[in-house]
Amino acid sequence: MNKKNKDGDLIHISDILASALGRYRPAMDTQMTRIWDVWDEAVGKPIAMNAKPDSFKEGILIVNVSSSAWIHQLKFLEKEMILNINKKLDHILVKQLRFKIGKILS
């Protein structure tokens, strides 16, 4: 079923989820979901094509990566990536990244 606003325009699922989460989850949790929204811009296109956020808990962001070679490279870039992500979030939320080989969903 497609959801539409009062003007008849389709509403993006992320807007629906943000609204629902805002009512039922603490503010920190809704802030956490923004990681997926800012990821591509925060890390850049080459990294975003080979690494995607998977889960987040207690300041640790688990990132699925396409290969062990990418894991090795991203470990060198971890601090810079954390700074960029938190800057895009306007909030210090991510304290550590953990990389694992996994599916890269676009």
Protein backbone atom coordinates (compact mmCIF):
# COMPACT_ATOMS: atom_id res chain seq x y z
CA MET A 1 0.00 0.00 0.00
CA ASN A 2 1.35 3.42 -0.95
CA LYS A 3 1.12 6.18 1.65
CA LYS A 4 0.38 9.70 0.46
CA ASN A 5 0.39 13.03 2.24
CA LYS A 6 -2.57 15.44 2.23
CA ASP A 7 -1.40 16.86 -1.13
CA GLY A 8 -1.49 13.41 -2.72
CA ASP A 9 2.31 13.07 -2.95
CA LEU A 10 3.91 9.77 -2.06
CA ILE A 11 5.67 9.70 1.30
CA HIS A 12 9.11 8.08 1.51
CA ILE A 13 9.31 5.12 3.90
CA SER A 14 12.17 6.77 5.84
CA ASP A 15 9.84 9.67 6.70
CA ILE A 16 7.17 7.25 7.93
CA LEU A 17 9.70 5.32 10.01
CA ALA A 18 11.23 8.48 11.47
CA SER A 19 7.80 9.65 12.52
CA ALA A 20 6.87 6.29 14.08
CA LEU A 21 10.21 5.89 15.82
CA GLY A 22 9.99 9.42 17.14
CA ARG A 23 6.80 8.51 18.98
CA TYR A 24 7.86 5.15 20.35
CA ARG A 25 11.65 5.20 20.76
CA PRO A 26 14.05 7.38 22.72
CA ALA A 27 15.62 10.32 20.86
CA MET A 28 19.03 8.60 20.78
CA ASP A 29 17.52 5.70 18.83
CA THR A 30 16.00 7.94 16.19
CA GLN A 31 19.31 9.79 15.92
CA MET A 32 20.97 6.40 15.37
CA THR A 33 18.83 5.65 12.32
CA ARG A 34 20.27 8.74 10.61
CA ILE A 35 23.60 6.89 10.26
CA TRP A 36 22.16 5.06 7.25
CA ASP A 37 20.98 8.37 5.74
CA VAL A 38 24.37 10.12 5.99
CA TRP A 39 26.63 7.12 5.32
CA ASP A 40 27.33 7.57 1.58
CA GLU A 41 28.10 11.27 1.91
CA ALA A 42 30.15 10.86 5.10
CA VAL A 43 32.44 8.13 3.78
CA GLY A 44 32.49 8.91 0.04
CA LYS A 45 31.32 6.93 -2.98
CA PRO A 46 34.24 4.44 -3.31
CA ILE A 47 33.90 3.33 0.31
CA ALA A 48 30.09 3.37 0.20
CA MET A 49 30.16 1.00 -2.77
CA ASN A 50 32.16 -1.51 -0.72
CA ALA A 51 30.96 -0.95 2.85
CA LYS A 52 27.53 -0.39 4.41
CA PRO A 53 26.33 -0.01 8.00
CA ASP A 54 24.78 -3.19 9.36
CA SER A 55 23.94 -2.56 13.01
CA PHE A 56 24.63 -0.15 15.84
CA LYS A 57 24.81 -0.65 19.60
CA GLU A 58 26.36 1.33 22.43
CA GLY A 59 28.50 3.54 20.20
CA ILE A 60 29.81 0.69 18.03
CA LEU A 61 28.80 0.66 14.36
CA ILE A 62 29.12 -2.73 12.68
CA VAL A 63 29.92 -2.30 8.99
CA ASN A 64 29.53 -4.95 6.29
CA VAL A 65 32.48 -4.85 3.89
CA SER A 66 32.88 -6.54 0.49
CA SER A 67 36.32 -8.13 1.08
CA SER A 68 39.16 -8.59 3.53
CA ALA A 69 41.27 -6.17 1.46
CA TRP A 70 38.64 -3.48 2.10
CA ILE A 71 38.58 -4.30 5.80
CA HIS A 72 42.33 -3.81 5.94
CA GLN A 73 42.09 -0.43 4.16
CA LEU A 74 39.16 0.80 6.25
CA LYS A 75 40.97 0.09 9.51
CA PHE A 76 43.45 2.80 8.49
CA LEU A 77 40.56 5.19 7.77
CA GLU A 78 38.46 4.38 10.84
CA LYS A 79 39.15 7.56 12.83
CA GLU A 80 38.50 9.82 9.84
CA MET A 81 35.29 7.94 9.02
CA ILE A 82 34.04 8.28 12.61
CA LEU A 83 34.74 12.02 12.56
CA ASN A 84 32.92 12.46 9.24
CA ILE A 85 29.90 10.41 10.31
CA ASN A 86 29.52 12.25 13.61
CA LYS A 87 29.98 15.58 11.84
CA LYS A 88 27.16 14.74 9.41
CA LEU A 89 24.98 13.68 12.36
CA ASP A 90 25.81 16.89 14.27
CA HIS A 91 26.18 14.62 17.28
CA ILE A 92 28.92 12.37 18.68
CA LEU A 93 27.18 9.04 18.36
CA VAL A 94 29.66 6.66 16.73
CA LYS A 95 32.66 5.86 18.90
CA GLN A 96 34.04 2.81 17.13
CA LEU A 97 33.67 0.93 13.83
CA ARG A 98 33.87 -2.83 13.52
CA PHE A 99 34.24 -4.31 10.08
CA LYS A 100 33.08 -7.72 8.87
CA ILE A 101 32.63 -9.33 5.50
CA GLY A 102 28.96 -9.25 4.60
CA LYS A 103 26.31 -8.32 2.06
CA ILE A 104 26.52 -4.84 0.62
CA LEU A 105 22.95 -3.74 0.02
CA SER A 106 22.54 -0.62 -2.09
